[in-house]
Amino acid sequence: MRQLSEADRDAIRLAQDPKFARWLEQIAATGGCAHPVHLSGSTTTRDATTGEILHHYDTRDEPGERLSVRCRNRRATVCAPCSRLHAGDTFHLVRAGLLGGKTVPTTVRHRPRLFVTLTAPSFGSVHRAGDRCRPRRDGGECEHGRPLSCGAVHDTTDSLVGQPLCADCYDYPAHTLWHAHAGKLWDCFVIGVRRHLASSVGLTQSSFPDHARLSFARVAEYQKRAAVHAHAVVRLDGPAGPDDEPPAWGTPARLIDAVRASAHRVVVRTVYSPAIGELALRWGAQVDARPLRADGLGPDDEAVAAYVAKYVTKGASETGAGTDHRLTTWDDIDTAPVTDHVRALMRSCWRLGGLPEYAPLHLRAWAHTLGYRGHILTKSRAYSTTYAALRADRAEYVGRDVLPGAATDAHWRFVGSGHTSGAALIAAGIAEDLEQSRRLHAEAKAEGEWSR
């Protein structure tokens, strides 16, 4: 007979609790969240005119005298149920900027819109998948005695893909500092696009906002070589934003020219360091700008929104570039479950982070993401709705039975987070059941649409 594990015994203990049914309701309400936040407090709803109590809720009547709510972590490796919710919000946020909805007019679909990819420059030769990897007729070795060529045909799953041919030749400080300045590079790129658009039609940069407005949503993606890519939806509107038509000169072709020109011209210089010197940081030579077409001849709007939504849920550990948790000591780098290449980047962050000239970059605090300190998804204000607005709409939908003219008085405090081993086991089962139901519903819906 199999011996019960600690998690099994804890699950049995929970199931024997008189309030187990209510506890299950709470966990189901969080979608089976892997790391729920526990709150203690009360909410009282009164008639705003008479002061009469319409509804009162207090956690003293709940299991453990607390209420569990979602952790809202976007990373699937940390909490799969909450990451799916975040992916859904991201999909609607990006989609609204492409097709309209969520306060954005549907006319935006007919605006000049691009799907843009900007890459990092080379910091050294790495193994690559596909055709023969780095073939050289003359062979040759680097100054460290390692081959300058490979010649193998690597599969995309080969662990060598993205790793340097020679780690000693690889410019780890430049890679680290490029990541730390990637956000500034993007800001300069956007300014450059506006400047190029203005100059191409005889406008001054300062007068550009009187004629047009550039909006975007950008997602960061780590490549196999652990360098960040930037994928963005870029849209040109009139000066008032989504509600305003762009000027006649605002064409996709002109927007593509501006994107390419800005990407090739942008330069961000680092502060001078006695150890590194001053670096001139640029985007990589590979720039892709594809028009999104309302007639369906370009990349599909829904597919672009789905791609962005899928990527934002990936944790650093899932992409093979860093970890999902901050590193607090040098020893943490040695024990991190990463490749030697990523470990070298972490060490570079730690070393450079100890230099006073780089203190504003907080490189040690961001060593787990290899120096990249921007958000995975960023957008301009006028692109579309916000995460906060989407969450507010969801909360309003959930609480749609609240009477008009009511005033709510709430008092809450944080009392903990996470699950016991048995609770985690039960929550995982609930999350799996909910995901299976969602999958079956999606399949049934797809079959219904196909049969029409």
Protein backbone atom coordinates (compact mmCIF):
# COMPACT_ATOMS: atom_id res chain seq x y z
CA MET A 1 0.00 0.00 0.00
CA ARG A 2 1.38 3.39 -1.00
CA GLN A 3 2.33 5.66 1.87
CA LEU A 4 0.55 9.00 1.88
CA SER A 5 2.73 12.00 1.12
CA GLU A 6 2.73 15.15 3.21
CA ALA A 7 0.65 16.89 0.51
CA ASP A 8 -1.90 14.04 0.55
CA ARG A 9 -2.23 14.20 4.34
CA ASP A 10 -2.61 17.98 4.21
CA ALA A 11 -5.29 17.68 1.51
CA ILE A 12 -7.21 15.19 3.66
CA ARG A 13 -6.97 17.57 6.61
CA LEU A 14 -8.44 20.38 4.51
CA ALA A 15 -11.23 18.15 3.19
CA GLN A 16 -12.28 17.31 6.75
CA ASP A 17 -12.64 20.98 7.68
CA PRO A 18 -16.33 22.00 8.13
CA LYS A 19 -15.73 25.00 5.87
CA PHE A 20 -14.04 23.01 3.10
CA ALA A 21 -16.88 23.64 0.60
CA ARG A 22 -16.52 27.40 1.03
CA TRP A 23 -12.72 27.11 0.74
CA LEU A 24 -13.18 25.27 -2.58
CA GLU A 25 -15.42 28.11 -3.77
CA GLN A 26 -12.68 30.61 -3.01
CA ILE A 27 -10.02 28.60 -4.86
CA ALA A 28 -12.34 28.12 -7.86
CA ALA A 29 -13.02 31.88 -7.87
CA THR A 30 -9.27 32.49 -8.27
CA GLY A 31 -9.16 30.04 -11.18
CA GLY A 32 -6.92 27.71 -9.18
CA CYS A 33 -4.28 30.44 -8.72
CA ALA A 34 -0.95 28.88 -7.72
CA HIS A 35 0.08 31.69 -5.35
CA PRO A 36 -3.05 33.47 -4.11
CA VAL A 37 -2.89 36.59 -1.98
CA HIS A 38 -4.75 36.33 1.34
CA LEU A 39 -6.64 39.37 2.66
CA SER A 40 -8.46 40.12 5.87
CA GLY A 41 -11.10 42.79 6.25
CA SER A 42 -14.64 43.82 5.44
CA THR A 43 -16.81 45.66 2.94
CA THR A 44 -20.01 47.49 3.78
CA THR A 45 -22.39 48.82 1.12
CA ARG A 46 -24.86 51.49 2.18
CA ASP A 47 -27.60 53.48 0.53
CA ALA A 48 -25.90 56.77 -0.32
CA THR A 49 -29.00 58.76 0.72
CA THR A 50 -30.39 57.00 3.79
CA GLY A 51 -27.26 55.29 5.09
CA GLU A 52 -29.12 51.98 5.28
CA ILE A 53 -26.81 48.94 5.11
CA LEU A 54 -27.53 47.09 1.86
CA HIS A 55 -24.79 44.49 2.11
CA HIS A 56 -22.00 43.59 4.54
CA TYR A 57 -19.13 41.15 4.00
CA ASP A 58 -16.55 40.21 6.61
CA THR A 59 -13.74 37.66 6.34
CA ARG A 60 -14.33 36.57 9.95
CA ASP A 61 -16.93 34.19 8.51
CA GLU A 62 -14.48 32.72 5.96
CA PRO A 63 -12.18 29.68 6.30
CA GLY A 64 -9.10 30.86 8.16
CA GLU A 65 -10.81 34.27 8.51
CA ARG A 66 -9.36 35.43 5.19
CA LEU A 67 -10.25 35.88 1.53
CA SER A 68 -8.01 34.56 -1.26
CA VAL A 69 -7.59 36.57 -4.47
CA ARG A 70 -5.51 36.05 -7.62
CA CYS A 71 -1.78 36.77 -7.60
CA ARG A 72 -2.09 38.19 -11.15
CA ASN A 73 1.43 37.06 -12.11
CA ARG A 74 1.84 37.13 -15.90
CA ARG A 75 4.43 34.29 -16.05
CA ALA A 76 3.07 30.85 -16.90
CA THR A 77 6.04 29.30 -15.08
CA VAL A 78 4.93 31.04 -11.86
CA CYS A 79 1.12 30.81 -12.11
CA ALA A 80 -0.47 29.29 -15.21
CA PRO A 81 -4.11 30.28 -14.35
CA CYS A 82 -3.25 33.96 -13.83
CA SER A 83 -0.98 34.01 -16.88
CA ARG A 84 -3.92 32.89 -19.03
CA LEU A 85 -6.00 35.76 -17.67
CA HIS A 86 -3.13 38.18 -18.39
CA ALA A 87 -2.75 36.77 -21.91
CA GLY A 88 -6.45 37.36 -22.53
CA ASP A 89 -6.18 40.96 -21.37
CA THR A 90 -3.11 41.49 -23.56
CA PHE A 91 -4.89 40.02 -26.58
CA HIS A 92 -7.81 42.44 -26.19
CA LEU A 93 -5.47 45.38 -25.52
CA VAL A 94 -3.44 44.77 -28.70
CA ARG A 95 -6.46 43.76 -30.79
CA ALA A 96 -8.35 46.93 -29.86
CA GLY A 97 -5.48 49.02 -31.25
CA LEU A 98 -5.66 47.06 -34.51
CA LEU A 99 -9.38 46.53 -35.08
CA GLY A 100 -11.10 48.88 -32.64
CA GLY A 101 -13.24 48.21 -29.60
CA LYS A 102 -12.73 49.02 -25.90
CA THR A 103 -13.35 52.78 -26.60
CA VAL A 104 -11.18 52.64 -29.78
CA PRO A 105 -13.09 53.33 -33.05
CA THR A 106 -13.17 50.57 -35.65
CA THR A 107 -11.79 53.02 -38.23
CA VAL A 108 -8.27 52.38 -36.89
CA ARG A 109 -8.19 49.23 -39.02
CA HIS A 110 -7.88 51.42 -42.11
CA ARG A 111 -5.01 53.52 -40.75
CA PRO A 112 -1.34 53.01 -41.74
CA ARG A 113 -0.29 50.17 -39.42
CA LEU A 114 2.93 48.15 -39.32
CA PHE A 115 4.21 45.09 -37.53
CA VAL A 116 7.84 46.00 -36.78
CA THR A 117 10.73 43.85 -35.55
CA LEU A 118 13.96 45.41 -34.29
CA THR A 119 16.90 43.20 -33.30
CA ALA A 120 19.98 43.47 -31.13
CA PRO A 121 23.37 43.84 -32.84
CA SER A 122 25.98 41.08 -32.83
CA PHE A 123 28.15 40.75 -29.75
CA GLY A 124 30.05 37.76 -31.09
CA SER A 125 29.60 34.66 -33.25
CA VAL A 126 27.07 32.13 -31.93
CA HIS A 127 25.87 28.74 -33.14
CA ARG A 128 22.73 28.95 -35.25
CA ALA A 129 20.08 26.51 -36.45
CA GLY A 130 19.03 25.76 -40.01
CA ASP A 131 21.74 25.66 -42.69
CA ARG A 132 25.34 24.75 -41.96
CA CYS A 133 26.48 26.67 -38.91
CA ARG A 134 29.22 29.25 -39.52
CA PRO A 135 31.08 27.39 -42.33
CA ARG A 136 34.50 28.79 -43.29
CA ARG A 137 36.66 27.37 -46.07
CA ASP A 138 39.88 28.50 -44.46
CA GLY A 139 38.93 27.15 -41.03
CA GLY A 140 41.10 29.19 -38.75
CA GLU A 141 41.10 29.80 -35.02
CA CYS A 142 40.44 32.81 -32.83
CA GLU A 143 43.10 34.33 -30.62
CA HIS A 144 42.03 31.93 -27.86
CA GLY A 145 42.72 28.87 -30.02
CA ARG A 146 39.09 27.99 -30.73
CA PRO A 147 37.67 27.27 -34.24
CA LEU A 148 36.11 30.23 -36.07
CA SER A 149 33.71 27.89 -37.87
CA CYS A 150 31.35 25.04 -36.98
CA GLY A 151 29.88 23.48 -40.14
CA ALA A 152 27.31 21.36 -38.31
CA VAL A 153 23.58 21.51 -39.10
CA HIS A 154 21.90 22.26 -35.78
CA ASP A 155 18.27 21.46 -35.04
CA THR A 156 16.30 24.28 -33.40
CA THR A 157 16.26 22.26 -30.17
CA ASP A 158 20.04 21.76 -30.13
CA SER A 159 21.45 23.12 -26.87
CA LEU A 160 24.36 24.67 -28.80
CA VAL A 161 22.10 27.07 -30.72
CA GLY A 162 22.65 30.60 -29.43
CA GLN A 163 25.82 29.73 -27.54
CA PRO A 164 29.08 31.56 -28.49
CA LEU A 165 31.68 29.81 -30.60
CA CYS A 166 34.19 31.33 -28.18
CA ALA A 167 33.00 32.72 -24.86
CA ASP A 168 36.27 34.62 -24.41
CA CYS A 169 35.70 36.49 -27.71
CA TYR A 170 32.07 37.31 -26.89
CA ASP A 171 31.49 40.94 -25.79
CA TYR A 172 29.52 40.31 -22.60
CA PRO A 173 29.84 43.89 -21.25
CA ALA A 174 28.40 45.34 -24.49
CA HIS A 175 25.54 42.79 -24.44
CA THR A 176 24.76 43.67 -20.82
CA LEU A 177 24.84 47.43 -21.38
CA TRP A 178 22.78 47.11 -24.57
CA HIS A 179 20.06 45.39 -22.55
CA ALA A 180 20.24 48.07 -19.87
CA HIS A 181 19.73 50.79 -22.51
CA ALA A 182 17.17 48.95 -24.68
CA GLY A 183 14.33 51.08 -23.32
CA LYS A 184 16.20 54.27 -24.16
CA LEU A 185 17.00 52.91 -27.62
CA TRP A 186 13.29 52.34 -28.21
CA ASP A 187 12.39 55.85 -27.03
CA CYS A 188 15.00 57.34 -29.36
CA PHE A 189 13.71 55.15 -32.19
CA VAL A 190 10.15 56.46 -31.77
CA ILE A 191 11.41 60.06 -31.69
CA GLY A 192 13.42 59.33 -34.83
CA VAL A 193 10.36 57.96 -36.65
CA ARG A 194 8.41 61.13 -35.86
CA ARG A 195 11.35 63.29 -36.92
CA HIS A 196 11.77 61.44 -40.24
CA LEU A 197 8.05 61.60 -41.01
CA ALA A 198 8.04 65.34 -40.34
CA SER A 199 11.10 66.10 -42.45
CA SER A 200 9.85 63.94 -45.33
CA VAL A 201 6.84 66.24 -45.80
CA GLY A 202 8.55 69.53 -44.98
CA LEU A 203 7.39 69.85 -41.36
CA THR A 204 9.45 70.74 -38.32
CA GLN A 205 9.65 68.17 -35.56
CA SER A 206 7.88 70.50 -33.13
CA SER A 207 4.90 70.89 -35.48
CA PHE A 208 4.45 67.13 -36.08
CA PRO A 209 1.89 66.69 -33.23
CA ASP A 210 -0.34 69.27 -34.97
CA HIS A 211 -0.62 67.00 -38.01
CA ALA A 212 -0.29 63.36 -36.86
CA ARG A 213 0.19 61.08 -33.90
CA LEU A 214 2.27 57.89 -33.68
CA SER A 215 0.93 55.10 -31.46
CA PHE A 216 2.42 51.71 -30.66
CA ALA A 217 2.34 48.57 -28.55
CA ARG A 218 5.70 46.81 -28.10
CA VAL A 219 6.67 43.41 -26.71
CA ALA A 220 10.20 42.27 -25.79
CA GLU A 221 11.33 38.76 -26.77
CA TYR A 222 14.57 36.99 -25.90
CA GLN A 223 16.33 35.27 -28.80
CA LYS A 224 18.26 32.02 -28.51
CA ARG A 225 21.44 34.05 -27.97
CA ALA A 226 19.74 35.66 -24.94
CA ALA A 227 19.47 39.05 -26.65
CA VAL A 228 16.21 40.97 -26.70
CA HIS A 229 14.14 41.51 -29.85
CA ALA A 230 11.48 44.23 -30.02
CA HIS A 231 8.22 43.41 -31.82
CA ALA A 232 5.77 46.28 -32.17
CA VAL A 233 2.50 47.30 -33.75
CA VAL A 234 2.92 50.88 -34.96
CA ARG A 235 -0.08 52.97 -36.07
CA LEU A 236 -0.34 56.48 -37.54
CA ASP A 237 -3.37 58.57 -36.53
CA GLY A 238 -4.43 62.17 -36.85
CA PRO A 239 -3.36 64.71 -34.19
CA ALA A 240 -6.29 63.77 -31.91
CA GLY A 241 -5.30 60.09 -31.85
CA PRO A 242 -7.57 57.10 -32.64
CA ASP A 243 -10.61 59.32 -33.24
CA ASP A 244 -8.82 61.36 -35.90
CA GLU A 245 -7.86 60.43 -39.47
CA PRO A 246 -4.18 60.79 -40.42
CA PRO A 247 -3.11 63.35 -43.03
CA ALA A 248 -3.09 62.35 -46.69
CA TRP A 249 0.70 62.06 -46.69
CA GLY A 250 0.52 59.43 -43.91
CA THR A 251 0.90 56.29 -46.00
CA PRO A 252 2.24 52.84 -45.02
CA ALA A 253 5.16 53.28 -47.43
CA ARG A 254 6.21 56.57 -45.83
CA LEU A 255 5.84 55.03 -42.37
CA ILE A 256 8.03 52.06 -43.39
CA ASP A 257 10.71 54.43 -44.69
CA ALA A 258 10.65 56.34 -41.40
CA VAL A 259 10.92 53.13 -39.36
CA ARG A 260 13.89 51.84 -41.34
CA ALA A 261 15.68 55.20 -41.35
CA SER A 262 15.26 55.68 -37.61
CA ALA A 263 16.30 52.11 -36.76
CA HIS A 264 19.57 52.52 -38.69
CA ARG A 265 20.39 55.99 -37.33
CA VAL A 266 19.63 55.73 -33.63
CA VAL A 267 22.69 55.77 -31.36
CA VAL A 268 22.74 55.78 -27.55
CA ARG A 269 26.08 56.37 -25.87
CA THR A 270 26.90 54.94 -22.45
CA VAL A 271 28.64 56.93 -19.73
CA TYR A 272 32.40 56.67 -19.82
CA SER A 273 33.89 53.91 -17.67
CA PRO A 274 37.63 53.42 -17.04
CA ALA A 275 36.97 49.66 -17.30
CA ILE A 276 34.82 49.66 -20.48
CA GLY A 277 35.21 53.06 -22.08
CA GLU A 278 32.25 54.67 -23.86
CA LEU A 279 30.04 52.43 -25.99
CA ALA A 280 27.87 53.51 -28.93
CA LEU A 281 24.78 51.29 -28.78
CA ARG A 282 22.60 50.68 -31.85
CA TRP A 283 19.86 48.40 -33.12
CA GLY A 284 20.91 45.38 -35.17
CA ALA A 285 21.14 45.53 -38.97
CA GLN A 286 18.06 43.28 -39.37
CA VAL A 287 14.91 45.44 -39.40
CA ASP A 288 11.54 44.09 -40.48
CA ALA A 289 8.53 46.35 -41.11
CA ARG A 290 5.41 44.77 -42.60
CA PRO A 291 2.18 46.64 -43.34
CA LEU A 292 -0.99 45.31 -41.75
CA ARG A 293 -3.75 45.48 -44.34
CA ALA A 294 -7.48 45.84 -43.77
CA ASP A 295 -8.15 43.77 -46.93
CA GLY A 296 -6.43 40.72 -45.44
CA LEU A 297 -3.39 40.75 -47.75
CA GLY A 298 -0.92 41.42 -44.96
CA PRO A 299 -0.20 39.69 -41.62
CA ASP A 300 -3.46 38.79 -39.86
CA ASP A 301 -4.51 41.24 -37.14
CA GLU A 302 -5.86 38.52 -34.86
CA ALA A 303 -2.68 36.47 -35.30
CA VAL A 304 -0.49 39.45 -34.37
CA ALA A 305 -2.55 40.09 -31.22
CA ALA A 306 -2.44 36.38 -30.31
CA TYR A 307 1.34 36.26 -30.84
CA VAL A 308 1.95 39.19 -28.52
CA ALA A 309 -0.47 37.80 -25.92
CA LYS A 310 1.23 34.40 -25.96
CA TYR A 311 4.70 35.83 -25.48
CA VAL A 312 3.93 38.06 -22.48
CA THR A 313 3.12 34.98 -20.39
CA LYS A 314 6.55 33.42 -20.89
CA GLY A 315 8.89 33.66 -17.94
CA ALA A 316 12.61 34.25 -18.24
CA SER A 317 13.33 30.64 -17.34
CA GLU A 318 10.95 29.39 -20.04
CA THR A 319 12.78 31.34 -22.76
CA GLY A 320 16.15 30.14 -21.51
CA ALA A 321 17.24 33.73 -20.84
CA GLY A 322 17.60 34.29 -17.12
CA THR A 323 15.34 33.29 -14.26
CA ASP A 324 12.00 34.44 -12.87
CA HIS A 325 13.45 35.40 -9.48
CA ARG A 326 15.97 38.05 -8.54
CA LEU A 327 19.51 37.11 -7.63
CA THR A 328 20.72 38.45 -4.30
CA THR A 329 24.30 37.15 -4.16
CA TRP A 330 27.10 36.08 -6.48
CA ASP A 331 26.54 32.49 -5.32
CA ASP A 332 22.96 32.64 -6.65
CA ILE A 333 24.43 32.96 -10.14
CA ASP A 334 26.46 29.77 -9.70
CA THR A 335 23.36 27.78 -8.72
CA ALA A 336 20.92 29.28 -11.29
CA PRO A 337 19.54 26.62 -13.70
CA VAL A 338 20.81 28.37 -16.86
CA THR A 339 23.33 27.82 -19.66
CA ASP A 340 26.95 28.88 -19.33
CA HIS A 341 26.26 31.72 -21.78
CA VAL A 342 23.41 33.12 -19.67
CA ARG A 343 25.46 32.62 -16.50
CA ALA A 344 28.26 34.69 -18.07
CA LEU A 345 25.76 37.48 -18.79
CA MET A 346 24.54 37.37 -15.19
CA ARG A 347 28.12 37.63 -13.96
CA SER A 348 28.69 40.55 -16.30
CA CYS A 349 25.66 42.30 -14.78
CA TRP A 350 27.02 41.67 -11.29
CA ARG A 351 30.53 42.93 -12.09
CA LEU A 352 29.39 46.04 -13.97
CA GLY A 353 26.73 46.69 -11.34
CA GLY A 354 29.51 47.14 -8.79
CA LEU A 355 31.04 50.06 -10.74
CA PRO A 356 29.90 53.51 -9.52
CA GLU A 357 29.44 54.89 -13.05
CA TYR A 358 26.81 52.23 -13.77
CA ALA A 359 24.97 52.50 -10.43
CA PRO A 360 21.90 54.23 -12.01
CA LEU A 361 21.35 51.15 -14.19
CA HIS A 362 20.79 48.86 -11.15
CA LEU A 363 22.42 45.99 -13.02
CA ARG A 364 22.66 43.68 -10.03
CA ALA A 365 18.95 44.05 -9.33
CA TRP A 366 18.27 43.04 -12.96
CA ALA A 367 20.92 40.34 -13.28
CA HIS A 368 18.16 37.69 -13.43
CA THR A 369 16.90 39.29 -16.68
CA LEU A 370 20.44 39.85 -18.00
CA GLY A 371 20.34 43.60 -17.49
CA TYR A 372 17.07 44.19 -19.35
CA ARG A 373 14.94 46.31 -17.05
CA GLY A 374 11.99 47.28 -19.22
CA HIS A 375 8.47 45.89 -19.12
CA ILE A 376 7.74 42.94 -21.38
CA LEU A 377 4.84 44.93 -22.91
CA THR A 378 4.78 48.71 -23.26
CA LYS A 379 2.44 50.93 -25.23
CA SER A 380 1.84 54.57 -25.99
CA ARG A 381 -1.05 56.25 -24.22
CA ALA A 382 -3.29 56.63 -27.28
CA TYR A 383 -2.75 53.15 -28.75
CA SER A 384 -5.73 51.50 -27.06
CA THR A 385 -7.20 50.66 -23.67
CA THR A 386 -5.18 49.80 -20.55
CA TYR A 387 -4.81 46.76 -18.31
CA ALA A 388 -6.40 48.79 -15.50
CA ALA A 389 -9.45 49.56 -17.63
CA LEU A 390 -9.84 45.92 -18.66
CA ARG A 391 -9.64 44.78 -15.03
CA ALA A 392 -12.13 47.46 -14.01
CA ASP A 393 -14.55 46.26 -16.69
CA ARG A 394 -14.19 42.70 -15.43
CA ALA A 395 -14.75 43.78 -11.82
CA GLU A 396 -17.81 45.79 -12.87
CA TYR A 397 -19.17 42.75 -14.72
CA VAL A 398 -18.66 40.53 -11.68
CA GLY A 399 -20.30 43.11 -9.41
CA ARG A 400 -22.99 44.15 -11.89
CA ASP A 401 -25.76 43.43 -9.37
CA VAL A 402 -24.60 46.28 -7.10
CA LEU A 403 -27.43 48.79 -6.72
CA PRO A 404 -27.01 52.28 -8.20
CA GLY A 405 -26.73 55.07 -5.67
CA ALA A 406 -24.83 52.86 -3.23
CA ALA A 407 -21.66 53.80 -1.34
CA THR A 408 -19.06 51.22 -0.34
CA ASP A 409 -16.78 51.38 2.69
CA ALA A 410 -13.93 48.83 2.54
CA HIS A 411 -11.09 47.99 4.94
CA TRP A 412 -8.53 45.35 3.86
CA ARG A 413 -5.07 44.22 4.89
CA PHE A 414 -2.58 41.70 3.57
CA VAL A 415 -2.21 38.61 5.77
CA GLY A 416 -0.18 36.21 3.62
CA SER A 417 0.16 34.44 0.30
CA GLY A 418 0.60 31.01 -1.23
CA HIS A 419 -0.72 27.52 -0.48
CA THR A 420 0.11 24.75 1.90
CA SER A 421 1.24 21.56 0.14
CA GLY A 422 -2.24 20.02 0.23
CA ALA A 423 -3.94 23.23 -0.85
CA ALA A 424 -1.53 23.51 -3.78
CA LEU A 425 -2.46 19.97 -4.85
CA ILE A 426 -6.19 20.75 -4.80
CA ALA A 427 -5.73 24.14 -6.50
CA ALA A 428 -3.72 22.51 -9.30
CA GLY A 429 -6.57 20.05 -9.86
CA ILE A 430 -9.10 22.87 -10.02
CA ALA A 431 -6.92 24.81 -12.46
CA GLU A 432 -6.56 21.72 -14.64
CA ASP A 433 -10.33 21.12 -14.65
CA LEU A 434 -11.05 24.75 -15.56
CA GLU A 435 -8.47 24.69 -18.37
CA GLN A 436 -9.94 21.45 -19.71
CA SER A 437 -13.42 23.03 -19.69
CA ARG A 438 -12.06 26.10 -21.47
CA ARG A 439 -10.36 23.92 -24.09
CA LEU A 440 -13.49 21.82 -24.69
CA HIS A 441 -15.60 24.99 -25.00
CA ALA A 442 -13.16 26.44 -27.55
CA GLU A 443 -13.17 23.19 -29.56
CA ALA A 444 -16.98 23.01 -29.51
CA LYS A 445 -17.19 26.65 -30.62
CA ALA A 446 -14.72 26.05 -33.45
CA GLU A 447 -16.62 22.97 -34.63
CA GLY A 448 -19.87 24.94 -34.57
CA GLU A 449 -18.42 27.72 -36.68
CA TRP A 450 -16.90 25.20 -39.12
CA SER A 451 -20.21 23.40 -39.61
CA ARG A 452 -22.06 26.58 -40.61
